[in-house]
């Protein structure tokens, strides 16, 4: 479990998921998420987010989505990758070191708010290493049948404690604490 100092935000795995457990469809398709994200939102989640940490693939998919929906601002964006681009990208900090160091760097930039972890691979790595405080899932009323699963297959068993569930139209928000 990550160290929780007073006034320090949490490390939160945050994602939308189809009812059959996919966070992206075949070919990393995310159009189905935006159908719900723009109409049904939980503004308190965005207000609590101070920075985001994503993997390279998740960032690339997110850039495509943000071109269509540019109103999502979760604070500074950090991208964990083994292959940082040669040219810097405005508003993005690329990190290629140790995962725990990347989480600490992004968390410090969150200014006391939550650090949002995006993407199946980075989130699974963070969960395996005990770096996550909470898991927040938006369950959407759709079955995709294939795509990117919620977590990688090597995640192992991680116990969660239910904290909250809320409804906004057809979207169900589930919040869990990661047990230590």
N, C-alpha and C. Protein backbone atom coordinates (compact mmCIF):
# COMPACT_ATOMS: atom_id res chain seq x y z
N UNK A 1 0.85 -1.18 0.00
CA UNK A 1 0.00 0.00 0.00
C UNK A 1 0.89 1.23 0.00
N UNK A 2 0.49 2.23 -0.72
CA UNK A 2 1.28 3.45 -0.77
C UNK A 2 1.20 4.17 0.56
N UNK A 3 2.20 4.96 0.86
CA UNK A 3 2.21 5.72 2.10
C UNK A 3 1.22 6.86 2.00
N UNK A 4 0.39 6.99 2.99
CA UNK A 4 -0.62 8.05 2.98
C UNK A 4 -0.28 9.09 4.05
N UNK A 5 0.36 10.14 3.66
CA UNK A 5 0.64 11.24 4.58
C UNK A 5 -0.59 12.11 4.67
N UNK A 6 -0.73 12.81 5.78
CA UNK A 6 -1.87 13.71 5.95
C UNK A 6 -1.87 14.74 4.82
N UNK A 7 -3.02 14.94 4.22
CA UNK A 7 -3.14 15.92 3.15
C UNK A 7 -2.65 15.43 1.80
N UNK A 8 -2.29 14.15 1.72
CA UNK A 8 -1.81 13.60 0.46
C UNK A 8 -2.94 12.80 -0.19
N UNK A 9 -3.14 13.03 -1.47
CA UNK A 9 -4.18 12.31 -2.18
C UNK A 9 -3.85 10.83 -2.30
N UNK A 10 -4.81 10.10 -2.80
CA UNK A 10 -4.69 8.65 -2.96
C UNK A 10 -4.19 8.32 -4.37
N UNK A 11 -3.69 7.10 -4.50
CA UNK A 11 -3.36 6.55 -5.81
C UNK A 11 -4.56 5.70 -6.20
N UNK A 12 -5.23 6.10 -7.29
CA UNK A 12 -6.50 5.50 -7.68
C UNK A 12 -6.43 4.95 -9.10
N UNK A 13 -6.68 3.66 -9.24
CA UNK A 13 -6.88 3.08 -10.57
C UNK A 13 -8.28 3.48 -10.98
N UNK A 14 -8.40 4.20 -12.08
CA UNK A 14 -9.67 4.77 -12.50
C UNK A 14 -9.94 4.38 -13.94
N UNK A 15 -11.08 3.72 -14.19
CA UNK A 15 -11.38 3.33 -15.56
C UNK A 15 -12.84 3.01 -15.77
N UNK A 16 -13.22 3.12 -17.03
CA UNK A 16 -14.53 2.66 -17.46
C UNK A 16 -14.38 1.22 -17.92
N UNK A 17 -15.44 0.43 -17.72
CA UNK A 17 -15.38 -0.98 -18.08
C UNK A 17 -16.73 -1.45 -18.60
N UNK A 18 -16.68 -2.29 -19.62
CA UNK A 18 -17.92 -2.91 -20.10
C UNK A 18 -18.35 -3.96 -19.08
N UNK A 19 -19.59 -4.35 -19.12
CA UNK A 19 -20.09 -5.33 -18.16
C UNK A 19 -19.34 -6.66 -18.25
N UNK A 20 -18.77 -6.97 -19.42
CA UNK A 20 -18.01 -8.22 -19.55
C UNK A 20 -16.51 -8.04 -19.31
N UNK A 21 -16.11 -6.92 -18.68
CA UNK A 21 -14.76 -6.79 -18.16
C UNK A 21 -13.71 -6.18 -19.07
N UNK A 22 -14.11 -5.45 -20.10
CA UNK A 22 -13.15 -4.83 -21.01
C UNK A 22 -13.08 -3.32 -20.78
N UNK A 23 -11.84 -2.78 -20.82
CA UNK A 23 -11.67 -1.34 -20.68
C UNK A 23 -11.48 -0.68 -22.04
N UNK A 24 -11.27 -1.49 -23.05
CA UNK A 24 -11.19 -1.02 -24.45
C UNK A 24 -11.66 -2.17 -25.32
N UNK A 25 -12.24 -1.84 -26.45
CA UNK A 25 -12.68 -2.86 -27.37
C UNK A 25 -11.55 -3.33 -28.27
N UNK A 26 -11.86 -4.16 -29.26
CA UNK A 26 -10.84 -4.62 -30.21
C UNK A 26 -10.14 -3.43 -30.85
N UNK A 27 -8.81 -3.52 -31.02
CA UNK A 27 -8.05 -2.42 -31.61
C UNK A 27 -7.99 -1.20 -30.71
N UNK A 28 -8.15 -1.38 -29.39
CA UNK A 28 -8.16 -0.29 -28.41
C UNK A 28 -9.32 0.69 -28.62
N UNK A 29 -10.40 0.26 -29.25
CA UNK A 29 -11.54 1.14 -29.50
C UNK A 29 -12.14 1.64 -28.19
N UNK A 30 -12.33 2.95 -28.11
CA UNK A 30 -12.88 3.57 -26.90
C UNK A 30 -14.13 4.41 -27.19
N UNK A 31 -14.63 4.37 -28.41
CA UNK A 31 -15.79 5.19 -28.77
C UNK A 31 -17.00 4.88 -27.90
N UNK A 32 -17.15 3.64 -27.49
CA UNK A 32 -18.28 3.24 -26.65
C UNK A 32 -18.25 3.93 -25.29
N UNK A 33 -17.07 4.26 -24.77
CA UNK A 33 -16.95 4.96 -23.49
C UNK A 33 -17.50 6.37 -23.62
N UNK A 34 -17.12 7.05 -24.69
CA UNK A 34 -17.51 8.45 -24.85
C UNK A 34 -19.02 8.61 -25.01
N UNK A 35 -19.70 7.58 -25.45
CA UNK A 35 -21.15 7.62 -25.54
C UNK A 35 -21.75 7.94 -24.18
N UNK A 36 -21.13 7.42 -23.12
CA UNK A 36 -21.64 7.62 -21.76
C UNK A 36 -20.91 8.72 -21.01
N UNK A 37 -19.62 8.89 -21.26
CA UNK A 37 -18.80 9.80 -20.45
C UNK A 37 -19.22 11.25 -20.56
N UNK A 38 -19.71 11.65 -21.71
CA UNK A 38 -20.06 13.06 -21.87
C UNK A 38 -21.41 13.39 -21.24
N UNK A 39 -22.30 12.42 -21.16
CA UNK A 39 -23.64 12.70 -20.62
C UNK A 39 -23.76 12.37 -19.14
N UNK A 40 -23.08 11.31 -18.71
CA UNK A 40 -23.19 10.85 -17.33
C UNK A 40 -21.82 10.93 -16.68
N UNK A 41 -21.64 11.90 -15.81
CA UNK A 41 -20.32 12.06 -15.20
C UNK A 41 -20.45 12.19 -13.70
N UNK A 42 -19.35 11.96 -13.04
CA UNK A 42 -19.26 12.09 -11.60
C UNK A 42 -18.22 13.18 -11.34
N UNK A 43 -18.67 14.43 -11.26
CA UNK A 43 -17.76 15.57 -11.21
C UNK A 43 -16.86 15.56 -9.98
N UNK A 44 -17.28 14.91 -8.90
CA UNK A 44 -16.45 14.86 -7.70
C UNK A 44 -15.16 14.08 -7.93
N UNK A 45 -15.19 13.12 -8.85
CA UNK A 45 -13.99 12.35 -9.16
C UNK A 45 -12.97 13.25 -9.85
N UNK A 46 -13.41 14.01 -10.82
CA UNK A 46 -12.50 14.92 -11.52
C UNK A 46 -11.97 15.98 -10.56
N UNK A 47 -12.81 16.49 -9.69
CA UNK A 47 -12.38 17.53 -8.75
C UNK A 47 -11.31 17.00 -7.79
N UNK A 48 -11.32 15.69 -7.50
CA UNK A 48 -10.36 15.10 -6.57
C UNK A 48 -9.06 14.68 -7.26
N UNK A 49 -9.02 14.75 -8.59
CA UNK A 49 -7.85 14.29 -9.35
C UNK A 49 -6.87 15.43 -9.58
N UNK A 50 -5.60 15.18 -9.22
CA UNK A 50 -4.57 16.20 -9.38
C UNK A 50 -3.56 15.90 -10.46
N UNK A 51 -3.41 14.62 -10.83
CA UNK A 51 -2.46 14.22 -11.88
C UNK A 51 -2.84 12.83 -12.37
N UNK A 52 -2.30 12.48 -13.54
CA UNK A 52 -2.58 11.19 -14.14
C UNK A 52 -1.28 10.51 -14.57
N UNK A 53 -1.24 9.18 -14.41
CA UNK A 53 -0.12 8.37 -14.87
C UNK A 53 -0.67 7.29 -15.77
N UNK A 54 -0.16 7.22 -16.99
CA UNK A 54 -0.65 6.26 -17.97
C UNK A 54 0.52 5.57 -18.65
N UNK A 55 0.24 4.46 -19.27
CA UNK A 55 1.22 3.80 -20.13
C UNK A 55 1.19 4.44 -21.51
N UNK A 56 2.15 4.08 -22.33
CA UNK A 56 2.28 4.69 -23.66
C UNK A 56 1.08 4.41 -24.55
N UNK A 57 0.60 3.16 -24.61
CA UNK A 57 -0.54 2.83 -25.46
C UNK A 57 -1.78 3.58 -25.00
N UNK A 58 -2.01 3.59 -23.69
CA UNK A 58 -3.17 4.31 -23.15
C UNK A 58 -3.10 5.79 -23.50
N UNK A 59 -1.91 6.35 -23.43
CA UNK A 59 -1.73 7.77 -23.78
C UNK A 59 -2.07 8.00 -25.25
N UNK A 60 -1.58 7.14 -26.13
CA UNK A 60 -1.86 7.31 -27.56
C UNK A 60 -3.35 7.21 -27.85
N UNK A 61 -4.03 6.25 -27.21
CA UNK A 61 -5.49 6.12 -27.39
C UNK A 61 -6.18 7.36 -26.82
N UNK A 62 -5.70 7.83 -25.67
CA UNK A 62 -6.28 9.02 -25.04
C UNK A 62 -6.14 10.26 -25.89
N UNK A 63 -5.00 10.38 -26.60
CA UNK A 63 -4.81 11.54 -27.49
C UNK A 63 -5.85 11.52 -28.60
N UNK A 64 -6.15 10.36 -29.13
CA UNK A 64 -7.18 10.26 -30.17
C UNK A 64 -8.53 10.67 -29.61
N UNK A 65 -8.83 10.21 -28.39
CA UNK A 65 -10.11 10.54 -27.77
C UNK A 65 -10.20 12.01 -27.43
N UNK A 66 -9.10 12.61 -26.94
CA UNK A 66 -9.15 14.01 -26.52
C UNK A 66 -9.33 14.95 -27.69
N UNK A 67 -8.96 14.51 -28.88
CA UNK A 67 -9.21 15.31 -30.06
C UNK A 67 -10.70 15.51 -30.29
N UNK A 68 -11.47 14.51 -29.86
CA UNK A 68 -12.92 14.59 -30.01
C UNK A 68 -13.60 15.17 -28.77
N UNK A 69 -12.96 14.97 -27.61
CA UNK A 69 -13.54 15.40 -26.34
C UNK A 69 -12.45 16.06 -25.52
N UNK A 70 -12.18 17.31 -25.76
CA UNK A 70 -11.03 18.00 -25.15
C UNK A 70 -11.32 18.59 -23.78
N UNK A 71 -12.49 18.33 -23.19
CA UNK A 71 -12.83 18.97 -21.93
C UNK A 71 -12.36 18.20 -20.71
N UNK A 72 -11.64 17.09 -20.86
CA UNK A 72 -11.17 16.29 -19.73
C UNK A 72 -9.81 16.79 -19.28
N UNK A 73 -9.75 17.32 -18.07
CA UNK A 73 -8.47 17.81 -17.55
C UNK A 73 -8.27 17.24 -16.16
N UNK A 74 -7.38 16.26 -16.07
CA UNK A 74 -7.08 15.64 -14.79
C UNK A 74 -5.76 16.10 -14.22
N UNK A 75 -5.27 17.26 -14.64
CA UNK A 75 -4.01 17.77 -14.14
C UNK A 75 -2.85 17.30 -14.99
N UNK A 76 -1.62 17.43 -14.46
CA UNK A 76 -0.44 17.03 -15.22
C UNK A 76 -0.51 15.56 -15.63
N UNK A 77 -0.04 15.28 -16.83
CA UNK A 77 -0.06 13.91 -17.36
C UNK A 77 1.36 13.38 -17.42
N UNK A 78 1.55 12.20 -16.84
CA UNK A 78 2.82 11.49 -16.88
C UNK A 78 2.61 10.20 -17.65
N UNK A 79 3.54 9.88 -18.54
CA UNK A 79 3.44 8.66 -19.34
C UNK A 79 4.66 7.81 -19.05
N UNK A 80 4.42 6.60 -18.57
CA UNK A 80 5.48 5.65 -18.27
C UNK A 80 5.75 4.82 -19.52
N UNK A 81 6.99 4.86 -20.01
CA UNK A 81 7.32 4.15 -21.24
C UNK A 81 8.80 3.80 -21.28
N UNK A 82 9.10 2.72 -21.98
CA UNK A 82 10.51 2.36 -22.21
C UNK A 82 11.07 3.11 -23.41
N UNK A 83 10.16 3.72 -24.21
CA UNK A 83 10.56 4.42 -25.44
C UNK A 83 10.00 5.84 -25.48
N UNK A 84 10.60 6.75 -24.70
CA UNK A 84 10.13 8.14 -24.77
C UNK A 84 10.35 8.70 -26.18
N UNK A 85 9.46 9.56 -26.65
CA UNK A 85 9.63 10.12 -27.98
C UNK A 85 10.84 11.05 -28.04
N UNK A 86 11.40 11.20 -29.21
CA UNK A 86 12.56 12.09 -29.40
C UNK A 86 12.17 13.54 -29.17
N UNK A 87 10.96 13.89 -29.60
CA UNK A 87 10.47 15.26 -29.44
C UNK A 87 9.53 15.35 -28.24
N UNK A 88 9.70 16.35 -27.38
CA UNK A 88 8.79 16.49 -26.24
C UNK A 88 7.37 16.80 -26.72
N UNK A 89 6.43 16.48 -25.88
CA UNK A 89 5.02 16.74 -26.18
C UNK A 89 4.49 17.69 -25.12
N UNK A 90 3.89 18.77 -25.55
CA UNK A 90 3.39 19.78 -24.62
C UNK A 90 2.41 19.17 -23.63
N UNK A 91 2.62 19.46 -22.34
CA UNK A 91 1.71 19.00 -21.31
C UNK A 91 1.92 17.56 -20.86
N UNK A 92 2.95 16.89 -21.40
CA UNK A 92 3.19 15.49 -21.06
C UNK A 92 4.62 15.34 -20.56
N UNK A 93 4.78 14.64 -19.45
CA UNK A 93 6.10 14.30 -18.93
C UNK A 93 6.29 12.80 -19.11
N UNK A 94 7.30 12.41 -19.86
CA UNK A 94 7.59 10.99 -20.08
C UNK A 94 8.57 10.51 -19.02
N UNK A 95 8.23 9.38 -18.41
CA UNK A 95 9.06 8.76 -17.38
C UNK A 95 9.44 7.36 -17.86
N UNK A 96 10.69 6.98 -17.65
CA UNK A 96 11.10 5.64 -18.10
C UNK A 96 11.83 4.86 -17.02
N UNK A 97 11.77 5.33 -15.80
CA UNK A 97 12.48 4.66 -14.72
C UNK A 97 11.63 3.65 -13.98
N UNK A 98 11.97 3.49 -12.73
CA UNK A 98 11.31 2.57 -11.81
C UNK A 98 9.83 2.97 -11.61
N UNK A 99 8.95 1.97 -11.52
CA UNK A 99 7.53 2.24 -11.38
C UNK A 99 7.21 3.01 -10.10
N UNK A 100 7.76 2.58 -8.97
CA UNK A 100 7.48 3.27 -7.71
C UNK A 100 7.95 4.72 -7.76
N UNK A 101 9.10 4.97 -8.41
CA UNK A 101 9.58 6.34 -8.57
C UNK A 101 8.65 7.15 -9.46
N UNK A 102 8.14 6.53 -10.52
CA UNK A 102 7.20 7.22 -11.41
C UNK A 102 5.92 7.60 -10.67
N UNK A 103 5.41 6.68 -9.85
CA UNK A 103 4.20 6.96 -9.06
C UNK A 103 4.49 8.10 -8.09
N UNK A 104 5.64 8.07 -7.42
CA UNK A 104 6.00 9.13 -6.47
C UNK A 104 6.13 10.48 -7.16
N UNK A 105 6.73 10.50 -8.34
CA UNK A 105 6.90 11.75 -9.10
C UNK A 105 5.53 12.32 -9.49
N UNK A 106 4.68 11.48 -10.06
CA UNK A 106 3.35 11.93 -10.49
C UNK A 106 2.50 12.32 -9.30
N UNK A 107 2.62 11.58 -8.22
CA UNK A 107 1.83 11.88 -7.02
C UNK A 107 2.22 13.23 -6.43
N UNK A 108 3.51 13.53 -6.44
CA UNK A 108 3.98 14.83 -5.94
C UNK A 108 3.40 15.97 -6.77
N UNK A 109 3.26 15.75 -8.08
CA UNK A 109 2.71 16.78 -8.97
C UNK A 109 1.21 16.95 -8.79
N UNK A 110 0.55 15.98 -8.15
CA UNK A 110 -0.90 16.05 -7.95
C UNK A 110 -1.29 17.09 -6.91
N UNK A 111 -0.33 17.66 -6.22
CA UNK A 111 -0.61 18.76 -5.29
C UNK A 111 -1.57 18.40 -4.17
N UNK A 112 -1.44 17.21 -3.61
CA UNK A 112 -2.31 16.80 -2.51
C UNK A 112 -3.61 16.16 -2.94
N UNK A 113 -3.88 16.18 -4.25
CA UNK A 113 -5.07 15.51 -4.77
C UNK A 113 -4.70 14.08 -5.19
N UNK A 114 -5.67 13.36 -5.74
CA UNK A 114 -5.45 11.98 -6.14
C UNK A 114 -4.61 11.87 -7.41
N UNK A 115 -3.84 10.80 -7.49
CA UNK A 115 -3.14 10.42 -8.71
C UNK A 115 -3.98 9.33 -9.36
N UNK A 116 -4.40 9.58 -10.58
CA UNK A 116 -5.22 8.64 -11.33
C UNK A 116 -4.31 7.77 -12.19
N UNK A 117 -4.44 6.45 -12.06
CA UNK A 117 -3.65 5.50 -12.84
C UNK A 117 -4.53 4.98 -13.97
N UNK A 118 -4.05 5.13 -15.20
CA UNK A 118 -4.83 4.74 -16.38
C UNK A 118 -4.12 3.63 -17.14
N UNK A 119 -4.89 2.73 -17.73
CA UNK A 119 -4.33 1.68 -18.57
C UNK A 119 -4.18 0.37 -17.83
N UNK A 120 -4.45 -0.74 -18.52
CA UNK A 120 -4.43 -2.06 -17.89
C UNK A 120 -3.04 -2.46 -17.42
N UNK A 121 -2.01 -2.24 -18.23
CA UNK A 121 -0.68 -2.70 -17.89
C UNK A 121 -0.09 -1.93 -16.71
N UNK A 122 -0.09 -0.61 -16.79
CA UNK A 122 0.46 0.20 -15.70
C UNK A 122 -0.33 -0.02 -14.42
N UNK A 123 -1.65 -0.06 -14.52
CA UNK A 123 -2.47 -0.28 -13.33
C UNK A 123 -2.19 -1.65 -12.71
N UNK A 124 -2.05 -2.68 -13.54
CA UNK A 124 -1.76 -4.02 -13.02
C UNK A 124 -0.41 -4.04 -12.33
N UNK A 125 0.58 -3.38 -12.92
CA UNK A 125 1.90 -3.31 -12.29
C UNK A 125 1.82 -2.60 -10.94
N UNK A 126 1.09 -1.49 -10.90
CA UNK A 126 0.94 -0.75 -9.64
C UNK A 126 0.22 -1.58 -8.58
N UNK A 127 -0.82 -2.29 -8.99
CA UNK A 127 -1.54 -3.14 -8.05
C UNK A 127 -0.64 -4.26 -7.52
N UNK A 128 0.11 -4.91 -8.41
CA UNK A 128 1.03 -5.98 -8.00
C UNK A 128 2.06 -5.49 -7.00
N UNK A 129 2.53 -4.26 -7.17
CA UNK A 129 3.57 -3.72 -6.29
C UNK A 129 3.01 -3.04 -5.04
N UNK A 130 1.70 -3.07 -4.86
CA UNK A 130 1.10 -2.48 -3.66
C UNK A 130 1.11 -0.97 -3.63
N UNK A 131 1.07 -0.34 -4.80
CA UNK A 131 1.15 1.12 -4.89
C UNK A 131 -0.22 1.80 -4.99
N UNK A 132 -1.30 1.03 -4.99
CA UNK A 132 -2.65 1.56 -5.23
C UNK A 132 -3.45 1.57 -3.93
N UNK A 133 -4.15 2.68 -3.69
CA UNK A 133 -5.03 2.81 -2.53
C UNK A 133 -6.46 2.40 -2.85
N UNK A 134 -6.94 2.84 -4.03
CA UNK A 134 -8.34 2.57 -4.39
C UNK A 134 -8.46 2.19 -5.86
N UNK A 135 -9.55 1.47 -6.15
CA UNK A 135 -9.91 1.15 -7.53
C UNK A 135 -11.30 1.75 -7.75
N UNK A 136 -11.42 2.54 -8.81
CA UNK A 136 -12.68 3.20 -9.15
C UNK A 136 -13.06 2.73 -10.55
N UNK A 137 -14.26 2.15 -10.67
CA UNK A 137 -14.69 1.58 -11.94
C UNK A 137 -16.06 2.14 -12.31
N UNK A 138 -16.15 2.62 -13.54
CA UNK A 138 -17.44 3.01 -14.11
C UNK A 138 -17.91 1.83 -14.95
N UNK A 139 -18.94 1.12 -14.52
CA UNK A 139 -19.46 -0.02 -15.28
C UNK A 139 -20.50 0.51 -16.25
N UNK A 140 -20.26 0.27 -17.54
CA UNK A 140 -21.15 0.77 -18.59
C UNK A 140 -22.02 -0.37 -19.11
N UNK A 141 -23.26 -0.07 -19.47
CA UNK A 141 -24.20 -1.11 -19.88
C UNK A 141 -23.97 -1.55 -21.32
N UNK A 142 -22.87 -2.26 -21.53
CA UNK A 142 -22.53 -2.75 -22.86
C UNK A 142 -21.69 -4.01 -22.71
N UNK A 143 -21.84 -4.93 -23.63
CA UNK A 143 -21.01 -6.13 -23.71
C UNK A 143 -20.17 -6.00 -24.97
N UNK A 144 -18.86 -6.10 -24.84
CA UNK A 144 -17.97 -5.93 -25.99
C UNK A 144 -17.49 -7.25 -26.58
N UNK A 145 -17.41 -8.29 -25.76
CA UNK A 145 -17.03 -9.61 -26.25
C UNK A 145 -15.54 -9.81 -26.44
N UNK A 146 -14.78 -8.74 -26.63
CA UNK A 146 -13.34 -8.86 -26.84
C UNK A 146 -12.71 -7.48 -26.65
N UNK A 147 -11.39 -7.48 -26.48
CA UNK A 147 -10.68 -6.21 -26.33
C UNK A 147 -9.63 -6.30 -25.25
N UNK A 148 -9.42 -5.18 -24.55
CA UNK A 148 -8.42 -5.09 -23.49
C UNK A 148 -9.12 -5.34 -22.16
N UNK A 149 -8.69 -6.37 -21.47
CA UNK A 149 -9.29 -6.73 -20.17
C UNK A 149 -8.96 -5.69 -19.11
N UNK A 150 -9.72 -5.70 -18.04
CA UNK A 150 -9.55 -4.78 -16.91
C UNK A 150 -8.12 -4.82 -16.37
N UNK A 151 -7.56 -6.03 -16.27
CA UNK A 151 -6.19 -6.17 -15.77
C UNK A 151 -5.46 -7.22 -16.59
N UNK A 152 -4.15 -7.23 -16.47
CA UNK A 152 -3.35 -8.24 -17.16
C UNK A 152 -3.51 -9.57 -16.42
N UNK A 153 -3.24 -10.65 -17.12
CA UNK A 153 -3.48 -11.98 -16.56
C UNK A 153 -2.51 -12.34 -15.44
N UNK A 154 -1.42 -11.63 -15.30
CA UNK A 154 -0.42 -11.95 -14.28
C UNK A 154 -0.58 -11.13 -13.00
N UNK A 155 -1.73 -10.51 -12.82
CA UNK A 155 -1.92 -9.62 -11.68
C UNK A 155 -1.95 -10.37 -10.35
N UNK A 156 -2.40 -11.60 -10.36
CA UNK A 156 -2.52 -12.34 -9.10
C UNK A 156 -3.78 -11.93 -8.37
N UNK A 157 -3.89 -12.43 -7.15
CA UNK A 157 -5.08 -12.16 -6.34
C UNK A 157 -4.88 -10.90 -5.51
N UNK A 158 -5.81 -9.98 -5.61
CA UNK A 158 -5.77 -8.73 -4.83
C UNK A 158 -7.14 -8.55 -4.20
N UNK A 159 -7.16 -8.47 -2.89
CA UNK A 159 -8.41 -8.32 -2.15
C UNK A 159 -8.82 -6.85 -2.13
N UNK A 160 -10.12 -6.63 -2.34
CA UNK A 160 -10.68 -5.28 -2.34
C UNK A 160 -11.82 -5.19 -1.34
N UNK A 161 -11.99 -4.01 -0.76
CA UNK A 161 -13.10 -3.75 0.15
C UNK A 161 -14.03 -2.73 -0.50
N UNK A 162 -15.32 -3.10 -0.71
CA UNK A 162 -16.25 -2.13 -1.30
C UNK A 162 -16.41 -0.90 -0.40
N UNK A 163 -16.32 0.29 -1.02
CA UNK A 163 -16.48 1.55 -0.29
C UNK A 163 -17.74 2.29 -0.70
N UNK A 164 -18.10 2.21 -2.00
CA UNK A 164 -19.19 3.05 -2.50
C UNK A 164 -19.69 2.50 -3.82
N UNK A 165 -20.99 2.67 -4.04
CA UNK A 165 -21.53 2.48 -5.38
C UNK A 165 -22.60 3.52 -5.60
N UNK A 166 -22.57 4.12 -6.80
CA UNK A 166 -23.48 5.21 -7.16
C UNK A 166 -23.96 4.99 -8.58
N UNK A 167 -25.06 5.58 -8.88
CA UNK A 167 -25.65 5.49 -10.21
C UNK A 167 -25.82 6.88 -10.80
N UNK A 168 -25.48 7.03 -12.10
CA UNK A 168 -25.78 8.25 -12.84
C UNK A 168 -26.35 7.78 -14.17
N UNK A 169 -27.66 7.82 -14.30
CA UNK A 169 -28.30 7.27 -15.50
C UNK A 169 -27.95 5.79 -15.59
N UNK A 170 -27.46 5.34 -16.76
CA UNK A 170 -27.13 3.93 -16.93
C UNK A 170 -25.73 3.53 -16.45
N UNK A 171 -24.97 4.49 -15.91
CA UNK A 171 -23.58 4.23 -15.49
C UNK A 171 -23.54 3.97 -13.98
N UNK A 172 -22.87 2.88 -13.61
CA UNK A 172 -22.70 2.54 -12.20
C UNK A 172 -21.24 2.75 -11.81
N UNK A 173 -21.02 3.56 -10.77
CA UNK A 173 -19.68 3.79 -10.26
C UNK A 173 -19.47 2.88 -9.07
N UNK A 174 -18.36 2.14 -9.09
CA UNK A 174 -17.98 1.26 -7.98
C UNK A 174 -16.62 1.72 -7.47
N UNK A 175 -16.51 1.89 -6.14
CA UNK A 175 -15.24 2.32 -5.54
C UNK A 175 -14.84 1.26 -4.50
N UNK A 176 -13.57 0.84 -4.57
CA UNK A 176 -13.04 -0.16 -3.67
C UNK A 176 -11.73 0.33 -3.05
N UNK A 177 -11.49 -0.06 -1.80
CA UNK A 177 -10.20 0.15 -1.16
C UNK A 177 -9.39 -1.12 -1.38
N UNK A 178 -8.11 -0.97 -1.69
CA UNK A 178 -7.24 -2.13 -1.82
C UNK A 178 -6.84 -2.55 -0.41
N UNK A 179 -7.12 -3.81 -0.07
CA UNK A 179 -6.76 -4.32 1.26
C UNK A 179 -5.27 -4.59 1.33
N UNK A 180 -4.70 -4.36 2.51
CA UNK A 180 -3.27 -4.63 2.69
C UNK A 180 -3.06 -5.98 3.34
